[in-house]
Amino acid sequence: MSDEAMLSRYLGRPSSDTDSTDAESPDDCHAFGWLRGVRDRAVMLELRRKDGSITAVGYAWVERVEYNPSEGIRLLVAGQEVRIRGRNLNKEVRPSVRLFEGLTRHRVPWVREADRTTDMQSGDAETVVESIEL
């Protein structure tokens, strides 16, 4: 990697060596997306249900985010409750990448419910979103 490309990647700017759309696309952590740039922040959070419906909520409207290992993640969005239930919702999927922490820092642009096949095929250590309740 050239010095220019390395500096651009560190600073979060596309260089001539990289495709800007690739640099801006979030990492797919299976159950959720992760913005890789240190300064990147999502404006909205997409809640992708297994039936194909998607609801997007503005991070500016998120009043509170709570994690309870037995109940999952609870978001209070403009006075309404959103529940994200599943397994390993606060487990590190990569160094410094956790769903709950990413939600609190606006680094998660989307969360996706797992379908039955994905749920059954995932390992015990993987983060799996079993349901999103609006």
N, C-alpha and C. Protein backbone atom coordinates (compact mmCIF):
# COMPACT_ATOMS: atom_id res chain seq x y z
N MET A 1 0.85 -1.18 0.00
CA MET A 1 0.00 0.00 0.00
C MET A 1 0.89 1.23 0.00
N SER A 2 0.56 2.21 -0.82
CA SER A 2 1.37 3.42 -0.90
C SER A 2 1.17 4.27 0.35
N ASP A 3 2.14 5.18 0.58
CA ASP A 3 2.04 6.08 1.74
C ASP A 3 0.79 6.93 1.67
N GLU A 4 0.46 7.40 0.45
CA GLU A 4 -0.74 8.22 0.26
C GLU A 4 -2.00 7.43 0.60
N ALA A 5 -2.08 6.18 0.15
CA ALA A 5 -3.26 5.35 0.42
C ALA A 5 -3.37 5.06 1.91
N MET A 6 -2.23 4.80 2.57
CA MET A 6 -2.26 4.51 3.99
C MET A 6 -2.71 5.73 4.78
N LEU A 7 -2.18 6.90 4.43
CA LEU A 7 -2.57 8.13 5.10
C LEU A 7 -4.04 8.44 4.87
N SER A 8 -4.50 8.27 3.63
CA SER A 8 -5.91 8.52 3.31
C SER A 8 -6.82 7.57 4.07
N ARG A 9 -6.42 6.32 4.18
CA ARG A 9 -7.24 5.34 4.92
C ARG A 9 -7.31 5.72 6.39
N TYR A 10 -6.18 6.13 6.96
CA TYR A 10 -6.14 6.54 8.36
C TYR A 10 -7.00 7.76 8.61
N LEU A 11 -6.94 8.72 7.70
CA LEU A 11 -7.70 9.95 7.85
C LEU A 11 -9.14 9.83 7.40
N GLY A 12 -9.50 8.69 6.78
CA GLY A 12 -10.87 8.48 6.36
C GLY A 12 -11.23 9.13 5.05
N ARG A 13 -10.22 9.52 4.25
CA ARG A 13 -10.46 10.12 2.95
C ARG A 13 -10.09 9.13 1.86
N PRO A 14 -10.88 9.05 0.80
CA PRO A 14 -10.50 8.17 -0.30
C PRO A 14 -9.26 8.71 -1.01
N SER A 15 -8.39 7.79 -1.42
CA SER A 15 -7.21 8.18 -2.19
C SER A 15 -7.40 7.73 -3.62
N SER A 16 -6.41 8.03 -4.44
CA SER A 16 -6.49 7.61 -5.83
C SER A 16 -6.36 6.10 -5.96
N ASP A 17 -5.79 5.40 -4.93
CA ASP A 17 -5.60 3.95 -4.98
C ASP A 17 -6.84 3.17 -4.55
N THR A 18 -7.81 3.85 -3.95
CA THR A 18 -8.98 3.13 -3.42
C THR A 18 -10.24 3.59 -4.09
N ASP A 19 -11.22 2.73 -4.13
CA ASP A 19 -12.54 3.06 -4.65
C ASP A 19 -13.32 3.73 -3.53
N SER A 20 -13.79 4.94 -3.73
CA SER A 20 -14.45 5.67 -2.65
C SER A 20 -15.71 4.98 -2.17
N THR A 21 -16.44 4.27 -3.01
CA THR A 21 -17.64 3.59 -2.56
C THR A 21 -17.28 2.45 -1.62
N ASP A 22 -16.15 1.78 -1.86
CA ASP A 22 -15.71 0.71 -0.97
C ASP A 22 -15.28 1.28 0.37
N ALA A 23 -14.60 2.42 0.35
CA ALA A 23 -14.12 3.04 1.57
C ALA A 23 -15.29 3.52 2.44
N GLU A 24 -16.43 3.85 1.83
CA GLU A 24 -17.56 4.37 2.58
C GLU A 24 -18.55 3.30 3.00
N SER A 25 -18.47 2.11 2.45
CA SER A 25 -19.43 1.08 2.78
C SER A 25 -19.09 0.44 4.12
N PRO A 26 -20.12 0.16 4.92
CA PRO A 26 -19.86 -0.43 6.24
C PRO A 26 -19.44 -1.89 6.13
N ASP A 27 -18.71 -2.34 7.13
CA ASP A 27 -18.37 -3.76 7.23
C ASP A 27 -19.63 -4.53 7.59
N ASP A 28 -19.78 -5.72 7.03
CA ASP A 28 -20.91 -6.59 7.34
C ASP A 28 -20.46 -7.56 8.43
N CYS A 29 -20.97 -7.38 9.63
CA CYS A 29 -20.65 -8.26 10.76
C CYS A 29 -21.77 -9.28 10.95
N HIS A 30 -22.45 -9.65 9.90
CA HIS A 30 -23.57 -10.59 9.83
C HIS A 30 -24.84 -10.05 10.47
N ALA A 31 -24.83 -9.80 11.77
CA ALA A 31 -26.03 -9.32 12.45
C ALA A 31 -26.17 -7.80 12.39
N PHE A 32 -25.08 -7.11 12.08
CA PHE A 32 -25.11 -5.65 12.05
C PHE A 32 -23.99 -5.12 11.16
N GLY A 33 -24.15 -3.87 10.74
CA GLY A 33 -23.13 -3.20 9.97
C GLY A 33 -22.26 -2.37 10.89
N TRP A 34 -21.01 -2.13 10.47
CA TRP A 34 -20.08 -1.36 11.29
C TRP A 34 -19.34 -0.35 10.43
N LEU A 35 -19.42 0.91 10.80
CA LEU A 35 -18.68 1.95 10.09
C LEU A 35 -17.23 1.92 10.56
N ARG A 36 -16.31 1.76 9.61
CA ARG A 36 -14.91 1.54 9.99
C ARG A 36 -14.12 2.79 10.28
N GLY A 37 -14.46 3.90 9.68
CA GLY A 37 -13.69 5.13 9.91
C GLY A 37 -13.81 5.59 11.35
N VAL A 38 -12.71 6.05 11.91
CA VAL A 38 -12.69 6.47 13.31
C VAL A 38 -13.70 7.58 13.57
N ARG A 39 -13.89 8.45 12.60
CA ARG A 39 -14.81 9.58 12.77
C ARG A 39 -16.19 9.34 12.15
N ASP A 40 -16.38 8.20 11.50
CA ASP A 40 -17.66 7.92 10.84
C ASP A 40 -18.77 7.74 11.87
N ARG A 41 -19.92 8.35 11.59
CA ARG A 41 -21.11 8.23 12.42
C ARG A 41 -22.32 8.07 11.52
N ALA A 42 -23.21 7.18 11.89
CA ALA A 42 -24.44 6.98 11.12
C ALA A 42 -25.46 8.03 11.56
N VAL A 43 -26.23 8.53 10.61
CA VAL A 43 -27.28 9.49 10.90
C VAL A 43 -28.54 8.74 11.33
N MET A 44 -28.79 7.58 10.69
CA MET A 44 -29.97 6.78 11.00
C MET A 44 -29.56 5.33 11.23
N LEU A 45 -30.40 4.61 11.95
CA LEU A 45 -30.22 3.19 12.22
C LEU A 45 -31.33 2.44 11.51
N GLU A 46 -30.96 1.56 10.57
CA GLU A 46 -31.95 0.72 9.89
C GLU A 46 -32.17 -0.55 10.70
N LEU A 47 -33.43 -0.86 10.95
CA LEU A 47 -33.82 -2.09 11.64
C LEU A 47 -34.40 -3.01 10.57
N ARG A 48 -33.63 -3.99 10.15
CA ARG A 48 -34.00 -4.87 9.04
C ARG A 48 -34.61 -6.15 9.59
N ARG A 49 -35.89 -6.34 9.31
CA ARG A 49 -36.62 -7.51 9.80
C ARG A 49 -36.51 -8.65 8.81
N LYS A 50 -36.68 -9.87 9.29
CA LYS A 50 -36.54 -11.04 8.42
C LYS A 50 -37.64 -11.14 7.37
N ASP A 51 -38.76 -10.44 7.56
CA ASP A 51 -39.83 -10.45 6.55
C ASP A 51 -39.55 -9.47 5.40
N GLY A 52 -38.41 -8.77 5.47
CA GLY A 52 -38.03 -7.85 4.40
C GLY A 52 -38.35 -6.39 4.70
N SER A 53 -39.13 -6.13 5.75
CA SER A 53 -39.45 -4.75 6.08
C SER A 53 -38.26 -4.09 6.79
N ILE A 54 -38.13 -2.79 6.59
CA ILE A 54 -37.05 -2.03 7.19
C ILE A 54 -37.64 -0.76 7.80
N THR A 55 -37.26 -0.48 9.02
CA THR A 55 -37.62 0.77 9.68
C THR A 55 -36.33 1.48 10.01
N ALA A 56 -36.25 2.75 9.66
CA ALA A 56 -35.06 3.54 9.98
C ALA A 56 -35.43 4.58 11.02
N VAL A 57 -34.60 4.69 12.05
CA VAL A 57 -34.82 5.69 13.10
C VAL A 57 -33.58 6.58 13.16
N GLY A 58 -33.81 7.85 13.38
CA GLY A 58 -32.70 8.79 13.48
C GLY A 58 -31.98 8.64 14.81
N TYR A 59 -30.66 8.54 14.76
CA TYR A 59 -29.89 8.46 16.00
C TYR A 59 -30.14 9.67 16.88
N ALA A 60 -30.47 10.81 16.29
CA ALA A 60 -30.74 12.01 17.08
C ALA A 60 -31.95 11.82 17.99
N TRP A 61 -32.83 10.89 17.64
CA TRP A 61 -34.04 10.64 18.43
C TRP A 61 -33.85 9.54 19.47
N VAL A 62 -32.69 8.90 19.49
CA VAL A 62 -32.43 7.84 20.47
C VAL A 62 -32.10 8.49 21.81
N GLU A 63 -33.00 8.27 22.78
CA GLU A 63 -32.85 8.88 24.10
C GLU A 63 -32.02 8.02 25.05
N ARG A 64 -32.12 6.70 24.89
CA ARG A 64 -31.45 5.79 25.82
C ARG A 64 -31.20 4.46 25.13
N VAL A 65 -30.06 3.84 25.46
CA VAL A 65 -29.74 2.50 24.98
C VAL A 65 -29.31 1.70 26.21
N GLU A 66 -29.97 0.57 26.44
CA GLU A 66 -29.67 -0.27 27.60
C GLU A 66 -29.37 -1.69 27.14
N TYR A 67 -28.47 -2.34 27.85
CA TYR A 67 -28.17 -3.75 27.57
C TYR A 67 -28.36 -4.55 28.84
N ASN A 68 -29.13 -5.62 28.74
CA ASN A 68 -29.32 -6.58 29.82
C ASN A 68 -29.13 -7.95 29.20
N PRO A 69 -28.15 -8.74 29.66
CA PRO A 69 -27.87 -10.02 29.01
C PRO A 69 -29.08 -10.95 28.89
N SER A 70 -30.01 -10.88 29.81
CA SER A 70 -31.17 -11.77 29.75
C SER A 70 -32.31 -11.20 28.91
N GLU A 71 -32.31 -9.89 28.65
CA GLU A 71 -33.41 -9.27 27.91
C GLU A 71 -32.99 -8.68 26.58
N GLY A 72 -31.70 -8.49 26.34
CA GLY A 72 -31.22 -7.94 25.09
C GLY A 72 -30.97 -6.45 25.18
N ILE A 73 -31.10 -5.78 24.05
CA ILE A 73 -30.85 -4.35 23.96
C ILE A 73 -32.18 -3.62 23.86
N ARG A 74 -32.31 -2.58 24.63
CA ARG A 74 -33.53 -1.76 24.62
C ARG A 74 -33.14 -0.35 24.20
N LEU A 75 -33.80 0.14 23.15
CA LEU A 75 -33.59 1.51 22.71
C LEU A 75 -34.87 2.28 22.97
N LEU A 76 -34.73 3.45 23.52
CA LEU A 76 -35.87 4.34 23.68
C LEU A 76 -35.71 5.41 22.60
N VAL A 77 -36.62 5.37 21.62
CA VAL A 77 -36.54 6.25 20.45
C VAL A 77 -37.78 7.12 20.43
N ALA A 78 -37.60 8.40 20.69
CA ALA A 78 -38.71 9.37 20.71
C ALA A 78 -39.88 8.87 21.53
N GLY A 79 -39.58 8.32 22.69
CA GLY A 79 -40.62 7.85 23.61
C GLY A 79 -41.14 6.45 23.32
N GLN A 80 -40.72 5.84 22.22
CA GLN A 80 -41.17 4.48 21.89
C GLN A 80 -40.01 3.50 22.12
N GLU A 81 -40.38 2.30 22.52
CA GLU A 81 -39.38 1.28 22.83
C GLU A 81 -39.10 0.37 21.63
N VAL A 82 -37.83 0.09 21.40
CA VAL A 82 -37.41 -0.88 20.40
C VAL A 82 -36.58 -1.92 21.14
N ARG A 83 -36.92 -3.20 20.97
CA ARG A 83 -36.19 -4.30 21.62
C ARG A 83 -35.43 -5.10 20.58
N ILE A 84 -34.18 -5.34 20.84
CA ILE A 84 -33.35 -6.21 20.01
C ILE A 84 -32.97 -7.39 20.89
N ARG A 85 -33.48 -8.56 20.51
CA ARG A 85 -33.22 -9.77 21.30
C ARG A 85 -32.34 -10.72 20.50
N GLY A 86 -31.52 -11.45 21.21
CA GLY A 86 -30.65 -12.41 20.54
C GLY A 86 -29.55 -12.91 21.45
N ARG A 87 -28.48 -13.40 20.80
CA ARG A 87 -27.35 -13.97 21.54
C ARG A 87 -26.09 -13.13 21.30
N ASN A 88 -25.30 -13.03 22.35
CA ASN A 88 -23.99 -12.36 22.26
C ASN A 88 -24.09 -10.93 21.74
N LEU A 89 -25.08 -10.20 22.21
CA LEU A 89 -25.32 -8.85 21.71
C LEU A 89 -24.27 -7.84 22.19
N ASN A 90 -23.47 -8.23 23.18
CA ASN A 90 -22.40 -7.34 23.65
C ASN A 90 -21.05 -8.04 23.57
N LYS A 91 -20.96 -9.05 22.71
CA LYS A 91 -19.72 -9.80 22.55
C LYS A 91 -18.88 -9.17 21.45
N GLU A 92 -17.59 -9.18 21.65
CA GLU A 92 -16.66 -8.63 20.66
C GLU A 92 -16.60 -9.56 19.45
N VAL A 93 -17.00 -9.06 18.27
CA VAL A 93 -16.95 -9.85 17.05
C VAL A 93 -15.60 -9.72 16.35
N ARG A 94 -14.93 -8.62 16.61
CA ARG A 94 -13.57 -8.31 16.18
C ARG A 94 -13.02 -7.38 17.24
N PRO A 95 -11.73 -7.16 17.27
CA PRO A 95 -11.22 -6.21 18.28
C PRO A 95 -11.95 -4.87 18.22
N SER A 96 -12.48 -4.47 19.35
CA SER A 96 -13.19 -3.19 19.53
C SER A 96 -14.48 -3.07 18.71
N VAL A 97 -15.09 -4.18 18.31
CA VAL A 97 -16.35 -4.14 17.55
C VAL A 97 -17.39 -4.97 18.31
N ARG A 98 -18.35 -4.26 18.91
CA ARG A 98 -19.47 -4.87 19.64
C ARG A 98 -20.76 -4.15 19.24
N LEU A 99 -21.83 -4.89 19.13
CA LEU A 99 -23.10 -4.29 18.72
C LEU A 99 -23.55 -3.20 19.68
N PHE A 100 -23.64 -3.51 20.96
CA PHE A 100 -24.13 -2.52 21.92
C PHE A 100 -23.26 -1.27 21.94
N GLU A 101 -21.97 -1.46 21.99
CA GLU A 101 -21.06 -0.32 22.00
C GLU A 101 -21.18 0.50 20.72
N GLY A 102 -21.34 -0.17 19.59
CA GLY A 102 -21.51 0.52 18.32
C GLY A 102 -22.78 1.35 18.28
N LEU A 103 -23.84 0.85 18.89
CA LEU A 103 -25.10 1.61 18.95
C LEU A 103 -24.91 2.87 19.79
N THR A 104 -24.21 2.77 20.90
CA THR A 104 -24.02 3.94 21.76
C THR A 104 -23.14 4.99 21.11
N ARG A 105 -22.30 4.57 20.16
CA ARG A 105 -21.38 5.50 19.49
C ARG A 105 -21.80 5.85 18.06
N HIS A 106 -22.99 5.42 17.66
CA HIS A 106 -23.55 5.71 16.32
C HIS A 106 -22.68 5.13 15.20
N ARG A 107 -22.04 3.99 15.45
CA ARG A 107 -21.18 3.35 14.45
C ARG A 107 -21.90 2.25 13.70
N VAL A 108 -23.14 1.92 14.12
CA VAL A 108 -23.92 0.83 13.52
C VAL A 108 -25.00 1.43 12.62
N PRO A 109 -24.87 1.27 11.29
CA PRO A 109 -25.88 1.83 10.39
C PRO A 109 -27.10 0.93 10.23
N TRP A 110 -26.96 -0.38 10.51
CA TRP A 110 -28.10 -1.30 10.40
C TRP A 110 -27.92 -2.50 11.33
N VAL A 111 -29.08 -3.04 11.73
CA VAL A 111 -29.15 -4.28 12.51
C VAL A 111 -30.10 -5.18 11.76
N ARG A 112 -29.75 -6.47 11.64
CA ARG A 112 -30.55 -7.40 10.83
C ARG A 112 -30.96 -8.62 11.65
N GLU A 113 -32.27 -8.92 11.62
CA GLU A 113 -32.78 -10.15 12.22
C GLU A 113 -32.27 -11.34 11.42
N ALA A 114 -31.91 -12.40 12.11
CA ALA A 114 -31.48 -13.62 11.44
C ALA A 114 -32.70 -14.45 11.07
N ASP A 115 -32.68 -15.04 9.87
CA ASP A 115 -33.74 -15.97 9.54
C ASP A 115 -33.44 -17.30 10.24
N ARG A 116 -34.35 -18.23 10.18
CA ARG A 116 -34.21 -19.50 10.90
C ARG A 116 -32.94 -20.25 10.51
N THR A 117 -32.63 -20.29 9.22
CA THR A 117 -31.45 -21.00 8.73
C THR A 117 -30.17 -20.38 9.28
N THR A 118 -30.06 -19.06 9.20
CA THR A 118 -28.88 -18.36 9.70
C THR A 118 -28.74 -18.57 11.20
N ASP A 119 -29.84 -18.50 11.92
CA ASP A 119 -29.84 -18.70 13.37
C ASP A 119 -29.32 -20.09 13.72
N MET A 120 -29.79 -21.10 13.01
CA MET A 120 -29.40 -22.47 13.32
C MET A 120 -27.95 -22.76 12.91
N GLN A 121 -27.46 -22.11 11.86
CA GLN A 121 -26.10 -22.37 11.37
C GLN A 121 -25.03 -21.57 12.11
N SER A 122 -25.43 -20.55 12.83
CA SER A 122 -24.44 -19.72 13.51
C SER A 122 -23.90 -20.44 14.75
N GLY A 123 -22.65 -20.18 15.03
CA GLY A 123 -22.00 -20.79 16.18
C GLY A 123 -22.44 -20.15 17.48
N ASP A 124 -22.12 -20.79 18.57
CA ASP A 124 -22.51 -20.28 19.89
C ASP A 124 -21.85 -18.95 20.24
N ALA A 125 -20.71 -18.67 19.64
CA ALA A 125 -19.97 -17.45 19.97
C ALA A 125 -20.35 -16.27 19.07
N GLU A 126 -21.14 -16.47 18.03
CA GLU A 126 -21.49 -15.39 17.09
C GLU A 126 -22.62 -14.53 17.63
N THR A 127 -22.62 -13.27 17.23
CA THR A 127 -23.72 -12.37 17.55
C THR A 127 -24.87 -12.67 16.62
N VAL A 128 -26.03 -12.96 17.19
CA VAL A 128 -27.23 -13.29 16.40
C VAL A 128 -28.39 -12.45 16.93
N VAL A 129 -29.06 -11.73 16.02
CA VAL A 129 -30.26 -10.98 16.39
C VAL A 129 -31.44 -11.87 16.03
N GLU A 130 -32.13 -12.35 17.05
CA GLU A 130 -33.26 -13.25 16.85
C GLU A 130 -34.55 -12.50 16.55
N SER A 131 -34.70 -11.31 17.14
CA SER A 131 -35.90 -10.53 16.87
C SER A 131 -35.66 -9.06 17.12
N ILE A 132 -36.40 -8.25 16.36
CA ILE A 132 -36.45 -6.81 16.55
C ILE A 132 -37.92 -6.47 16.77
N GLU A 133 -38.23 -5.96 17.93
CA GLU A 133 -39.61 -5.64 18.28
C GLU A 133 -39.78 -4.12 18.30
N LEU A 134 -40.72 -3.64 17.49
CA LEU A 134 -40.99 -2.21 17.41
C LEU A 134 -42.24 -1.85 18.17
